[in-house]
Protein backbone atom coordinates (compact mmCIF):
# COMPACT_ATOMS: atom_id res chain seq x y z
CA MET A 1 -4.64 31.12 12.03
CA ASN A 2 -5.12 34.54 10.67
CA ILE A 3 -8.64 35.99 9.77
CA ASP A 4 -8.18 35.58 6.10
CA ARG A 5 -7.48 31.88 6.48
CA ARG A 6 -10.43 31.39 8.69
CA ARG A 7 -12.76 33.06 6.08
CA PHE A 8 -11.31 31.10 3.36
CA LEU A 9 -11.71 27.83 5.13
CA ALA A 10 -15.22 28.65 6.14
CA THR A 11 -16.19 29.59 2.55
CA THR A 12 -14.59 26.41 1.28
CA SER A 13 -16.47 24.14 3.87
CA ALA A 14 -19.72 25.74 2.90
CA ALA A 15 -19.00 25.21 -0.69
CA PHE A 16 -18.53 21.49 -0.23
CA ALA A 17 -21.81 21.36 1.55
CA THR A 18 -23.86 23.38 -0.93
CA GLY A 19 -21.99 22.86 -4.29
CA GLY A 20 -21.36 26.66 -4.40
CA PHE A 21 -17.97 28.68 -4.67
CA PHE A 22 -16.03 26.04 -6.56
CA SER A 23 -19.00 24.61 -8.59
CA ALA A 24 -18.06 26.59 -11.62
CA CYS A 25 -14.74 24.47 -11.78
CA SER A 26 -16.73 21.52 -13.22
CA ASP A 27 -18.84 23.50 -15.64
CA LYS A 28 -16.93 23.00 -18.82
CA PRO A 29 -14.52 20.03 -19.50
CA GLN A 30 -11.54 20.86 -21.80
CA GLU A 31 -10.69 18.44 -24.53
CA SER A 32 -7.52 16.55 -23.94
CA SER A 33 -4.55 17.55 -26.09
CA ALA A 34 -3.67 13.91 -26.39
CA ASP A 35 -5.82 12.39 -29.02
CA ALA A 36 -9.17 13.48 -27.88
CA GLY A 37 -12.30 12.31 -29.56
CA GLY A 38 -12.11 10.23 -32.79
CA SER A 39 -13.16 6.59 -33.27
CA GLY A 40 -10.13 4.92 -31.56
CA PRO A 41 -9.89 3.75 -28.08
CA LEU A 42 -11.08 6.11 -25.31
CA PHE A 43 -7.90 5.69 -23.49
CA GLN A 44 -4.20 4.77 -24.25
CA ILE A 45 -1.31 4.15 -21.90
CA SER A 46 1.84 6.16 -21.49
CA LEU A 47 4.60 5.85 -18.98
CA ALA A 48 5.93 8.49 -16.68
CA GLN A 49 9.67 8.30 -16.35
CA TRP A 50 9.41 8.62 -12.52
CA SER A 51 8.23 5.03 -12.47
CA MET A 52 11.96 4.10 -13.05
CA ASN A 53 13.42 6.76 -10.82
CA ARG A 54 15.37 4.30 -8.66
CA ALA A 55 17.12 2.57 -11.60
CA LEU A 56 17.85 6.02 -13.13
CA ARG A 57 19.13 7.53 -9.90
CA ALA A 58 21.31 4.51 -9.26
CA GLY A 59 22.86 4.64 -12.67
CA GLU A 60 21.38 1.22 -13.61
CA LEU A 61 19.39 2.83 -16.41
CA ASP A 62 20.51 5.74 -18.63
CA ASN A 63 17.99 8.47 -19.55
CA LEU A 64 18.81 7.95 -23.29
CA ASP A 65 18.02 4.18 -22.93
CA TRP A 66 14.71 4.56 -21.15
CA PRO A 67 12.49 4.87 -24.33
CA LYS A 68 13.87 1.60 -25.74
CA LEU A 69 13.22 -0.15 -22.32
CA THR A 70 9.73 1.27 -22.22
CA LYS A 71 8.81 0.00 -25.74
CA GLU A 72 10.55 -3.35 -25.50
CA THR A 73 9.60 -4.40 -21.99
CA PHE A 74 6.32 -2.89 -21.65
CA GLY A 75 4.86 -2.38 -25.12
CA ILE A 76 4.24 1.26 -24.39
CA GLU A 77 5.01 3.83 -27.11
CA ALA A 78 4.31 7.23 -25.35
CA VAL A 79 6.54 8.64 -22.62
CA GLU A 80 6.43 11.43 -20.11
CA TRP A 81 9.85 12.74 -19.34
CA VAL A 82 11.02 13.97 -15.91
CA ASN A 83 13.41 16.85 -16.03
CA GLN A 84 15.53 15.60 -12.97
CA PHE A 85 17.10 13.06 -15.37
CA PHE A 86 18.53 15.47 -18.07
CA PHE A 87 19.35 18.77 -16.37
CA VAL A 88 22.27 21.11 -15.47
CA GLU A 89 21.78 23.43 -12.51
CA HIS A 90 21.72 27.20 -12.86
CA GLU A 91 22.38 29.53 -10.01
CA THR A 92 19.13 31.48 -10.30
CA LEU A 93 16.89 29.50 -12.74
CA GLY A 94 17.25 26.20 -10.99
CA TYR A 95 17.26 22.96 -13.15
CA GLN A 96 17.76 23.73 -16.80
CA PRO A 97 17.78 21.29 -19.72
CA LYS A 98 21.05 19.77 -21.06
CA ASP A 99 22.49 21.00 -24.20
CA GLN A 100 20.93 20.84 -27.64
CA ALA A 101 23.07 17.99 -28.80
CA TYR A 102 21.72 15.94 -25.93
CA LEU A 103 18.12 16.80 -26.60
CA ALA A 104 18.69 15.82 -30.22
CA GLU A 105 19.87 12.49 -29.18
CA MET A 106 16.78 12.03 -26.99
CA LYS A 107 14.61 13.00 -29.94
CA LYS A 108 16.48 10.67 -32.21
CA ARG A 109 16.00 7.69 -29.96
CA ILE A 110 12.22 8.41 -29.74
CA ASP A 111 11.84 8.96 -33.44
CA ASP A 112 13.88 5.72 -34.40
CA LEU A 113 11.62 3.77 -32.06
CA GLY A 114 8.47 5.24 -33.60
CA MET A 115 7.41 6.54 -30.19
CA ARG A 116 5.96 9.87 -28.81
CA SER A 117 7.08 12.29 -26.26
CA LEU A 118 3.98 13.68 -24.40
CA LEU A 119 5.25 15.97 -21.78
CA ILE A 120 8.10 16.98 -19.54
CA MET A 121 7.58 16.99 -15.77
CA CYS A 122 9.42 19.97 -14.29
CA ASP A 123 10.54 20.21 -10.71
CA ARG A 124 13.16 22.46 -8.97
CA VAL A 125 12.84 25.27 -11.37
CA GLY A 126 11.71 27.74 -8.65
CA SER A 127 8.34 28.55 -7.12
CA LEU A 128 5.67 30.04 -9.63
CA GLY A 129 3.84 31.42 -6.64
CA ASN A 130 6.91 32.77 -4.74
CA PRO A 131 5.76 35.90 -2.82
CA ASP A 132 9.04 37.52 -3.77
CA ALA A 133 8.41 39.19 -7.19
CA THR A 134 11.98 38.78 -8.35
CA LYS A 135 12.08 35.06 -7.43
CA ARG A 136 8.63 34.45 -8.92
CA THR A 137 9.88 36.05 -12.21
CA ALA A 138 13.02 33.80 -12.18
CA ALA A 139 10.68 30.78 -11.73
CA VAL A 140 8.57 31.81 -14.60
CA GLU A 141 11.63 32.46 -16.87
CA GLY A 142 13.38 29.28 -15.63
CA HIS A 143 10.72 27.35 -17.44
CA TYR A 144 11.25 28.89 -20.74
CA ALA A 145 14.17 26.61 -21.70
CA TRP A 146 11.97 23.68 -20.71
CA LEU A 147 9.25 25.03 -23.14
CA ASP A 148 12.05 25.00 -25.91
CA ALA A 149 12.91 21.45 -24.97
CA ALA A 150 9.25 20.33 -24.84
CA LYS A 151 8.57 21.87 -28.30
CA PHE A 152 11.75 20.20 -29.69
CA LEU A 153 10.83 16.69 -28.37
CA GLY A 154 7.24 17.11 -29.82
CA CYS A 155 5.50 17.15 -26.40
CA HIS A 156 2.01 18.72 -26.02
CA SER A 157 2.53 19.97 -22.47
CA LEU A 158 4.87 21.14 -19.75
CA ARG A 159 3.96 19.81 -16.23
CA VAL A 160 4.73 22.37 -13.59
CA ASN A 161 3.95 22.90 -9.86
CA ALA A 162 1.62 25.48 -8.20
CA ALA A 163 3.51 26.23 -5.09
CA SER A 164 3.86 29.27 -2.76
CA ASP A 165 4.75 30.02 0.91
CA PRO A 166 2.50 27.67 2.97
CA LYS A 167 2.40 30.18 5.73
CA LEU A 168 0.32 32.56 3.58
CA ASN A 169 -3.35 32.31 3.49
CA PRO A 170 -4.82 30.14 0.75
CA GLU A 171 -6.45 33.10 -1.07
CA ARG A 172 -2.91 34.85 -1.20
CA GLN A 173 -1.21 31.60 -2.34
CA ALA A 174 -3.90 31.26 -5.09
CA ASP A 175 -3.35 34.78 -6.26
CA LEU A 176 0.40 34.38 -6.50
CA CYS A 177 0.17 31.12 -8.20
CA THR A 178 -2.28 32.46 -10.64
CA GLU A 179 -0.11 35.30 -11.65
CA GLY A 180 2.85 33.08 -12.18
CA LEU A 181 0.98 30.41 -14.01
CA ARG A 182 -0.71 33.06 -16.33
CA ARG A 183 2.65 34.51 -17.20
CA LEU A 184 4.09 31.16 -18.10
CA SER A 185 1.02 29.95 -20.00
CA GLU A 186 1.07 33.12 -22.03
CA LYS A 187 4.58 32.26 -23.07
CA ALA A 188 3.77 28.61 -23.56
CA ALA A 189 0.98 29.67 -25.96
CA THR A 190 3.52 31.06 -28.40
CA TYR A 191 4.98 27.61 -28.65
CA GLY A 192 1.60 25.98 -29.09
CA LEU A 193 2.11 24.18 -25.73
CA ASN A 194 0.08 23.54 -22.57
CA VAL A 195 1.12 24.39 -19.04
CA ILE A 196 -0.43 21.63 -16.77
CA VAL A 197 -0.35 21.45 -13.01
CA GLU A 198 -0.17 18.24 -11.00
CA ASN A 199 -1.57 17.95 -7.58
CA HIS A 200 1.80 17.66 -5.89
CA GLY A 201 1.73 18.63 -2.19
CA GLY A 202 0.71 21.72 -0.23
CA LEU A 203 -2.46 23.40 -1.34
CA SER A 204 -2.12 22.04 -4.87
CA SER A 205 -3.18 18.72 -3.29
CA ASN A 206 -6.55 20.22 -2.45
CA GLY A 207 -8.49 19.62 -5.64
CA ALA A 208 -10.97 22.44 -5.15
CA TRP A 209 -8.16 25.10 -4.53
CA LEU A 210 -6.13 24.03 -7.55
CA ALA A 211 -9.25 23.94 -9.86
CA GLN A 212 -9.99 27.45 -8.73
CA VAL A 213 -6.46 28.56 -9.53
CA ILE A 214 -6.72 27.13 -13.04
CA LYS A 215 -10.23 28.75 -13.48
CA ASN A 216 -8.65 32.05 -12.34
CA VAL A 217 -5.82 31.83 -14.85
CA GLY A 218 -8.44 31.67 -17.48
CA LEU A 219 -6.39 30.48 -20.44
CA ASP A 220 -7.18 27.42 -22.67
CA ASN A 221 -3.70 26.23 -22.55
CA CYS A 222 -3.40 26.17 -18.71
CA GLY A 223 -4.83 22.92 -17.29
CA THR A 224 -4.21 20.04 -14.88
CA LEU A 225 -2.59 16.68 -14.65
CA PRO A 226 -4.69 14.79 -12.07
CA ASP A 227 -2.71 12.24 -10.10
CA PHE A 228 -4.59 9.54 -8.44
CA GLY A 229 -2.55 9.54 -5.21
CA ASN A 230 -0.96 12.88 -4.62
CA PHE A 231 -3.71 14.33 -2.39
CA TYR A 232 -1.67 14.80 0.98
CA VAL A 233 -1.43 18.57 1.63
CA ALA A 234 0.99 17.88 4.39
CA ARG A 235 3.12 14.60 5.10
CA ASN A 236 4.02 13.22 8.41
CA ARG A 237 7.66 12.31 8.16
CA GLY A 238 8.15 11.17 11.68
CA ASN A 239 9.25 14.42 13.23
CA ALA A 240 6.42 15.03 15.87
CA GLU A 241 7.25 18.72 16.32
CA GLN A 242 7.48 19.55 12.68
CA TRP A 243 4.30 17.57 11.91
CA GLU A 244 2.37 19.61 14.44
CA GLN A 245 3.54 22.75 12.84
CA GLU A 246 2.77 21.62 9.25
CA LYS A 247 -0.67 20.36 9.87
CA ALA A 248 -1.62 23.45 12.05
CA LEU A 249 -1.60 25.40 8.63
CA TYR A 250 -4.68 23.56 7.62
CA ALA A 251 -6.40 23.31 11.07
CA GLY A 252 -10.21 23.68 11.05
CA ASP A 253 -10.74 22.62 7.44
CA PRO A 254 -13.10 19.66 7.21
CA ALA A 255 -11.89 18.87 3.69
CA TYR A 256 -8.93 16.97 5.10
CA THR A 257 -8.51 13.72 7.00
CA GLU A 258 -5.55 12.71 9.16
CA ASP A 259 -3.93 9.31 8.81
CA GLU A 260 -0.60 7.80 9.66
CA LYS A 261 0.94 9.26 6.38
CA GLY A 262 -0.34 12.83 6.94
CA LEU A 263 -3.28 15.22 6.11
CA ALA A 264 -5.31 14.12 3.06
CA TYR A 265 -7.88 15.47 0.78
CA ASP A 266 -10.17 12.89 -0.57
CA ARG A 267 -8.62 11.47 -3.69
CA TYR A 268 -11.85 10.81 -5.54
CA GLN A 269 -13.21 14.21 -4.93
CA GLY A 270 -9.84 15.64 -5.80
CA VAL A 271 -9.81 14.03 -9.30
CA LYS A 272 -13.37 15.02 -9.82
CA ASP A 273 -12.40 18.59 -9.06
CA LEU A 274 -9.48 18.67 -11.48
CA MET A 275 -10.78 16.61 -14.39
CA PRO A 276 -12.65 19.49 -16.03
CA TYR A 277 -9.31 21.08 -16.80
CA ALA A 278 -7.33 17.84 -17.39
CA LYS A 279 -4.89 17.57 -20.39
CA GLY A 280 -3.50 14.31 -19.06
CA VAL A 281 -4.03 11.78 -16.22
CA SER A 282 -1.56 10.12 -14.00
CA ALA A 283 -2.39 6.67 -12.63
CA LYS A 284 -0.40 6.54 -9.49
CA ALA A 285 0.15 2.97 -8.06
CA HIS A 286 2.07 1.61 -5.08
CA ASP A 287 0.82 -1.86 -3.94
CA PHE A 288 -1.41 -4.60 -5.27
CA ASP A 289 -3.61 -7.36 -3.80
CA GLU A 290 -3.78 -11.03 -4.99
CA GLN A 291 -6.30 -10.02 -7.66
CA GLY A 292 -4.05 -7.43 -9.05
CA ASN A 293 -6.07 -4.55 -7.77
CA GLU A 294 -4.24 -1.30 -6.40
CA THR A 295 -4.70 -1.38 -2.66
CA GLN A 296 -4.85 2.43 -2.09
CA THR A 297 -7.01 3.52 -5.09
CA ASP A 298 -10.16 1.90 -6.49
CA TYR A 299 -9.22 2.03 -10.14
CA VAL A 300 -12.62 1.29 -11.46
CA LYS A 301 -14.14 4.15 -9.47
CA MET A 302 -11.31 6.55 -10.37
CA MET A 303 -11.46 5.71 -14.14
CA GLY A 304 -15.24 6.02 -13.99
CA ILE A 305 -14.70 9.71 -12.76
CA VAL A 306 -12.18 10.15 -15.67
CA LYS A 307 -14.58 8.83 -18.30
CA GLU A 308 -17.46 10.67 -16.84
CA SER A 309 -15.61 13.90 -17.19
CA GLY A 310 -15.47 13.42 -21.01
CA TYR A 311 -11.63 13.16 -21.06
CA ARG A 312 -10.18 10.96 -23.79
CA GLY A 313 -6.51 10.38 -24.28
CA PHE A 314 -3.45 9.09 -22.50
CA VAL A 315 -3.33 7.71 -18.94
CA GLY A 316 0.21 7.75 -17.71
CA ILE A 317 1.40 5.02 -15.44
CA GLU A 318 3.37 6.31 -12.38
CA TYR A 319 4.44 3.54 -10.24
CA GLU A 320 5.93 4.52 -6.83
CA GLY A 321 5.77 1.38 -4.73
CA ASN A 322 8.62 -0.23 -2.76
CA THR A 323 7.49 -3.76 -2.27
CA LEU A 324 7.72 -4.82 -5.99
CA GLY A 325 10.60 -3.96 -8.32
CA GLU A 326 9.89 -1.09 -10.75
CA VAL A 327 9.55 -3.21 -13.81
CA GLU A 328 7.08 -5.68 -12.17
CA GLY A 329 5.14 -2.67 -10.55
CA ILE A 330 4.80 -1.01 -14.00
CA GLN A 331 3.57 -4.31 -15.55
CA LYS A 332 1.06 -4.80 -12.87
CA THR A 333 -0.21 -1.17 -13.22
CA LYS A 334 -0.54 -1.63 -17.07
CA ALA A 335 -2.53 -4.98 -16.70
CA LEU A 336 -4.81 -3.23 -14.12
CA LEU A 337 -5.39 -0.33 -16.42
CA GLU A 338 -6.04 -2.61 -19.44
CA LYS A 339 -8.54 -4.60 -17.39
CA VAL A 340 -10.30 -1.45 -16.09
CA PHE A 341 -10.46 0.14 -19.49
CA GLY A 342 -12.74 -2.68 -20.48
CA GLU A 343 -14.95 -2.23 -17.44
CA VAL A 344 -15.75 1.41 -17.49
């Protein structure tokens, strides 16, 4: 571990103990772009397309048919698209949207059903915190076509990742991600769109780190998409040597706890860190007990944090379990959210 990393970890640990350093991250909640305020319900339910990723990848469900399934099977009328299901690959820009005719058909399906597109989740479009300036610029510009697509579909946000070289110290990664996110957010502002970052592995799964990055960007249209479950900064995938190398990058930081799945940041603290900047919320679910409660996340506690932050708007179901089928898993997550909405 280099000296800069030790200094950063020492500062972070002290901040958790005293409420300093990152405390400014929770000073000013930002209004959700999804129906904030008003006299309607505090929360509404949307569906993240990744919840049906197995069926989509297996060819059992077509991307164009997903909105109809969402409305008719689940009674949900707002969707969160995933770019992995309607892309073409570009040599330098990564995943890019299919052509305008295809996007027009997507929009027609949504409009005909009286539904709403809320956001597009973008992956594999390059690293916005790449230390190579040329590749970082390619990542920024690789998202431009997705801004076009999001605007055309009527979305309020583009979900991106804050990723850099994990071997760099946290401060340097933060600087690089801040620069890439700021450039993309400035472009998104010309479309009237938000750029929102999900906790999605690496340092982005450290809530305090990601909140500081968003604060450093300093633009109203750059925010977060807190996910209830994505708080592993490193995953143990069964290769002992690789696991030792990956977790060594975070050695000495008391913010993390090791379990059989990997190295985790506290999920409740993480959501609390990120909610001041939230423009959406992702309700991750895997398994349920006999009472219908999610076994890894206390939904009452988590939605209490969401409500306390002042957020009002859509909460997106993202079912990722393997025990239940995708349809049943989504149904159980929806039933749980509806129950919890009445309790918080």
